[in-house]
N, C-alpha and C. Protein backbone atom coordinates (compact mmCIF):
# COMPACT_ATOMS: atom_id res chain seq x y z
N UNK A 1 0.86 -1.18 0.00
CA UNK A 1 0.00 0.00 0.00
C UNK A 1 0.90 1.23 0.00
N UNK A 2 0.64 2.13 -0.90
CA UNK A 2 1.40 3.38 -0.92
C UNK A 2 0.60 4.45 -0.19
N UNK A 3 1.31 5.44 0.30
CA UNK A 3 0.66 6.51 1.06
C UNK A 3 1.23 7.85 0.64
N UNK A 4 0.35 8.83 0.48
CA UNK A 4 0.89 10.16 0.24
C UNK A 4 1.17 10.81 1.59
N UNK A 5 2.14 11.69 1.60
CA UNK A 5 2.64 12.27 2.85
C UNK A 5 1.56 13.01 3.63
N UNK A 6 0.73 13.79 2.94
CA UNK A 6 -0.28 14.59 3.64
C UNK A 6 -1.28 13.70 4.37
N UNK A 7 -1.77 12.70 3.71
CA UNK A 7 -2.74 11.79 4.36
C UNK A 7 -2.09 11.00 5.49
N UNK A 8 -0.85 10.60 5.27
CA UNK A 8 -0.15 9.86 6.31
C UNK A 8 0.09 10.73 7.54
N UNK A 9 0.43 11.99 7.33
CA UNK A 9 0.63 12.91 8.46
C UNK A 9 -0.66 13.06 9.25
N UNK A 10 -1.78 13.11 8.58
CA UNK A 10 -3.07 13.21 9.27
C UNK A 10 -3.41 11.90 9.98
N UNK A 11 -3.06 10.79 9.37
CA UNK A 11 -3.39 9.47 9.94
C UNK A 11 -2.73 9.24 11.29
N UNK A 12 -1.56 9.80 11.47
CA UNK A 12 -0.82 9.61 12.71
C UNK A 12 -1.63 10.08 13.92
N UNK A 13 -2.47 11.08 13.71
CA UNK A 13 -3.20 11.70 14.81
C UNK A 13 -4.58 11.10 15.05
N UNK A 14 -4.93 10.03 14.36
CA UNK A 14 -6.25 9.41 14.53
C UNK A 14 -6.19 8.25 15.52
N UNK A 15 -7.31 7.98 16.15
CA UNK A 15 -7.43 6.85 17.08
C UNK A 15 -8.06 5.67 16.35
N UNK A 16 -7.51 4.49 16.57
CA UNK A 16 -7.98 3.27 15.90
C UNK A 16 -8.39 2.24 16.96
N UNK A 17 -9.62 1.74 16.83
CA UNK A 17 -10.11 0.69 17.73
C UNK A 17 -10.58 -0.49 16.90
N UNK A 18 -10.23 -1.69 17.33
CA UNK A 18 -10.70 -2.89 16.66
C UNK A 18 -12.16 -3.12 17.02
N UNK A 19 -12.98 -3.46 16.05
CA UNK A 19 -14.38 -3.81 16.31
C UNK A 19 -14.40 -5.14 17.05
N UNK A 20 -15.29 -5.25 18.01
CA UNK A 20 -15.34 -6.42 18.90
C UNK A 20 -15.36 -7.75 18.15
N UNK A 21 -16.09 -7.83 17.04
CA UNK A 21 -16.16 -9.11 16.31
C UNK A 21 -14.98 -9.31 15.35
N UNK A 22 -14.07 -8.34 15.29
CA UNK A 22 -12.87 -8.47 14.47
C UNK A 22 -13.07 -8.21 12.99
N UNK A 23 -14.22 -7.66 12.60
CA UNK A 23 -14.51 -7.42 11.18
C UNK A 23 -14.02 -6.08 10.66
N UNK A 24 -13.27 -5.35 11.43
CA UNK A 24 -12.78 -4.07 10.96
C UNK A 24 -12.36 -3.19 12.11
N UNK A 25 -12.26 -1.90 11.82
CA UNK A 25 -11.79 -0.93 12.80
C UNK A 25 -12.68 0.30 12.76
N UNK A 26 -12.79 0.95 13.90
CA UNK A 26 -13.42 2.26 13.98
C UNK A 26 -12.29 3.27 14.14
N UNK A 27 -12.24 4.23 13.24
CA UNK A 27 -11.20 5.25 13.28
C UNK A 27 -11.86 6.58 13.61
N UNK A 28 -11.39 7.21 14.68
CA UNK A 28 -11.97 8.48 15.12
C UNK A 28 -10.92 9.57 15.16
N UNK A 29 -11.42 10.78 15.06
CA UNK A 29 -10.58 11.96 15.08
C UNK A 29 -11.04 12.88 13.97
N UNK A 30 -10.83 14.16 14.17
CA UNK A 30 -11.28 15.10 13.15
C UNK A 30 -12.78 15.26 13.18
N UNK A 31 -13.43 14.95 12.08
CA UNK A 31 -14.86 15.22 11.94
C UNK A 31 -15.78 14.12 12.46
N UNK A 32 -15.25 13.00 12.90
CA UNK A 32 -16.12 11.94 13.39
C UNK A 32 -15.49 10.58 13.30
N UNK A 33 -16.32 9.54 13.32
CA UNK A 33 -15.85 8.16 13.27
C UNK A 33 -16.14 7.54 11.91
N UNK A 34 -15.23 6.66 11.49
CA UNK A 34 -15.42 5.97 10.21
C UNK A 34 -15.08 4.50 10.38
N UNK A 35 -15.75 3.67 9.60
CA UNK A 35 -15.54 2.23 9.61
C UNK A 35 -14.56 1.86 8.51
N UNK A 36 -13.49 1.17 8.88
CA UNK A 36 -12.52 0.65 7.92
C UNK A 36 -12.61 -0.87 7.97
N UNK A 37 -12.79 -1.46 6.79
CA UNK A 37 -12.87 -2.91 6.67
C UNK A 37 -11.95 -3.33 5.53
N UNK A 38 -10.96 -4.15 5.85
CA UNK A 38 -9.97 -4.50 4.83
C UNK A 38 -9.20 -3.26 4.44
N UNK A 39 -9.23 -2.92 3.16
CA UNK A 39 -8.57 -1.70 2.71
C UNK A 39 -9.59 -0.68 2.22
N UNK A 40 -10.83 -0.78 2.71
CA UNK A 40 -11.90 0.14 2.31
C UNK A 40 -12.40 0.92 3.52
N UNK A 41 -12.89 2.12 3.25
CA UNK A 41 -13.40 2.99 4.31
C UNK A 41 -14.74 3.57 3.87
N UNK A 42 -15.58 3.90 4.85
CA UNK A 42 -16.89 4.47 4.53
C UNK A 42 -16.87 6.00 4.40
N UNK A 43 -15.69 6.62 4.42
CA UNK A 43 -15.62 8.08 4.31
C UNK A 43 -15.80 8.54 2.86
N UNK A 44 -16.14 9.80 2.70
CA UNK A 44 -16.35 10.39 1.37
C UNK A 44 -15.07 10.37 0.55
N UNK A 45 -13.94 10.69 1.18
CA UNK A 45 -12.66 10.75 0.47
C UNK A 45 -12.35 9.41 -0.21
N UNK A 46 -12.51 8.32 0.52
CA UNK A 46 -12.25 7.00 -0.06
C UNK A 46 -13.25 6.71 -1.17
N UNK A 47 -14.51 7.06 -0.96
CA UNK A 47 -15.55 6.81 -1.96
C UNK A 47 -15.30 7.54 -3.26
N UNK A 48 -14.81 8.77 -3.17
CA UNK A 48 -14.58 9.58 -4.37
C UNK A 48 -13.28 9.19 -5.06
N UNK A 49 -12.21 9.08 -4.29
CA UNK A 49 -10.89 8.82 -4.89
C UNK A 49 -10.60 7.34 -5.12
N UNK A 50 -11.10 6.50 -4.22
CA UNK A 50 -10.81 5.07 -4.32
C UNK A 50 -9.38 4.70 -3.97
N UNK A 51 -8.65 5.64 -3.36
CA UNK A 51 -7.29 5.39 -2.91
C UNK A 51 -7.26 5.45 -1.39
N UNK A 52 -6.20 4.95 -0.76
CA UNK A 52 -6.17 4.94 0.70
C UNK A 52 -6.36 6.34 1.30
N UNK A 53 -7.36 6.45 2.16
CA UNK A 53 -7.62 7.70 2.87
C UNK A 53 -6.85 7.68 4.19
N UNK A 54 -6.93 8.76 4.95
CA UNK A 54 -6.21 8.82 6.22
C UNK A 54 -6.69 7.75 7.20
N UNK A 55 -7.95 7.35 7.10
CA UNK A 55 -8.49 6.33 8.00
C UNK A 55 -7.88 4.96 7.70
N UNK A 56 -7.80 4.62 6.42
CA UNK A 56 -7.18 3.36 6.00
C UNK A 56 -5.70 3.36 6.39
N UNK A 57 -5.04 4.50 6.22
CA UNK A 57 -3.63 4.60 6.57
C UNK A 57 -3.41 4.48 8.08
N UNK A 58 -4.34 5.03 8.87
CA UNK A 58 -4.24 4.91 10.33
C UNK A 58 -4.30 3.44 10.75
N UNK A 59 -5.18 2.68 10.11
CA UNK A 59 -5.27 1.24 10.39
C UNK A 59 -3.98 0.54 9.95
N UNK A 60 -3.47 0.91 8.79
CA UNK A 60 -2.23 0.30 8.30
C UNK A 60 -1.07 0.57 9.27
N UNK A 61 -1.02 1.77 9.81
CA UNK A 61 0.01 2.08 10.81
C UNK A 61 -0.17 1.21 12.05
N UNK A 62 -1.39 1.08 12.49
CA UNK A 62 -1.69 0.27 13.69
C UNK A 62 -1.28 -1.18 13.48
N UNK A 63 -1.46 -1.66 12.26
CA UNK A 63 -1.13 -3.06 11.94
C UNK A 63 0.35 -3.25 11.59
N UNK A 64 1.09 -2.14 11.45
CA UNK A 64 2.51 -2.23 11.13
C UNK A 64 2.81 -2.54 9.68
N UNK A 65 1.97 -2.06 8.76
CA UNK A 65 2.18 -2.29 7.33
C UNK A 65 3.57 -1.78 6.92
N UNK A 66 4.42 -2.65 6.36
CA UNK A 66 5.80 -2.26 6.05
C UNK A 66 5.91 -1.11 5.04
N UNK A 67 5.06 -1.06 4.03
CA UNK A 67 5.13 0.01 3.04
C UNK A 67 4.78 1.36 3.66
N UNK A 68 3.76 1.37 4.50
CA UNK A 68 3.35 2.62 5.14
C UNK A 68 4.41 3.07 6.14
N UNK A 69 5.00 2.13 6.86
CA UNK A 69 6.07 2.47 7.80
C UNK A 69 7.28 3.03 7.07
N UNK A 70 7.61 2.48 5.91
CA UNK A 70 8.73 3.00 5.12
C UNK A 70 8.45 4.42 4.66
N UNK A 71 7.23 4.68 4.22
CA UNK A 71 6.85 6.04 3.83
C UNK A 71 6.97 6.98 5.02
N UNK A 72 6.56 6.52 6.19
CA UNK A 72 6.67 7.33 7.40
C UNK A 72 8.13 7.63 7.71
N UNK A 73 9.00 6.67 7.51
CA UNK A 73 10.44 6.90 7.73
C UNK A 73 10.97 7.98 6.80
N UNK A 74 10.46 8.03 5.59
CA UNK A 74 10.89 9.08 4.65
C UNK A 74 10.33 10.44 5.05
N UNK A 75 9.15 10.43 5.63
CA UNK A 75 8.48 11.67 6.02
C UNK A 75 9.11 12.29 7.26
N UNK A 76 9.50 11.46 8.21
CA UNK A 76 10.02 11.95 9.48
C UNK A 76 11.52 11.66 9.54
N UNK A 77 12.34 12.70 9.50
CA UNK A 77 13.79 12.46 9.54
C UNK A 77 14.23 11.99 10.92
N UNK A 78 15.35 11.29 10.94
CA UNK A 78 15.94 10.89 12.22
C UNK A 78 16.34 12.13 12.99
N UNK A 79 16.10 12.16 14.30
CA UNK A 79 16.54 13.31 15.08
C UNK A 79 18.06 13.37 15.10
N UNK A 80 18.56 14.58 15.11
CA UNK A 80 20.01 14.75 15.17
C UNK A 80 20.48 14.40 16.57
N UNK A 81 21.61 13.78 16.64
CA UNK A 81 22.18 13.41 17.94
C UNK A 81 22.67 14.66 18.64
N UNK A 82 22.26 14.79 19.89
CA UNK A 82 22.74 15.94 20.67
C UNK A 82 24.19 15.73 21.03
N UNK A 83 24.91 16.81 20.97
CA UNK A 83 26.31 16.74 21.36
C UNK A 83 26.41 16.89 22.86
N UNK A 84 27.15 16.01 23.46
CA UNK A 84 27.36 16.12 24.90
C UNK A 84 28.58 17.01 25.14
N UNK A 85 28.73 17.55 26.34
CA UNK A 85 29.89 18.41 26.63
C UNK A 85 31.21 17.69 26.39
N UNK A 86 31.24 16.37 26.53
CA UNK A 86 32.49 15.63 26.32
C UNK A 86 32.85 15.50 24.84
N UNK A 87 31.88 15.79 23.91
CA UNK A 87 32.14 15.72 22.47
C UNK A 87 32.91 16.94 21.98
N UNK A 88 32.96 17.99 22.75
CA UNK A 88 33.57 19.26 22.31
C UNK A 88 35.06 19.19 22.24
C-alpha cells in the first residue's frame, strides 16, 4: 500500500479501535468516526478517490504495514544526535 505524505501525516493523529467481532476498525478523530474494513473505508474521500484515505492509513500504521512504515520513515527524519559536553 502506498501513502501520500499529507494523508499519512493526518493518519498519525487518529485513534484506531478494533471492532469487537474483528470485522474491521473504527477510526476516530477530526470530523467523526469511520468504519474501515480490509482496505476500504466508509468516508467520502475514499468513496470519491478510491485510494487509501487517512483512516485506512491509520489502520495500516496500527497493523505495522511495512510500506506505510517505510513512507513514514521518509516523512520523518531521524533526530540529530545531541552533542554532549564531552564531544567538544
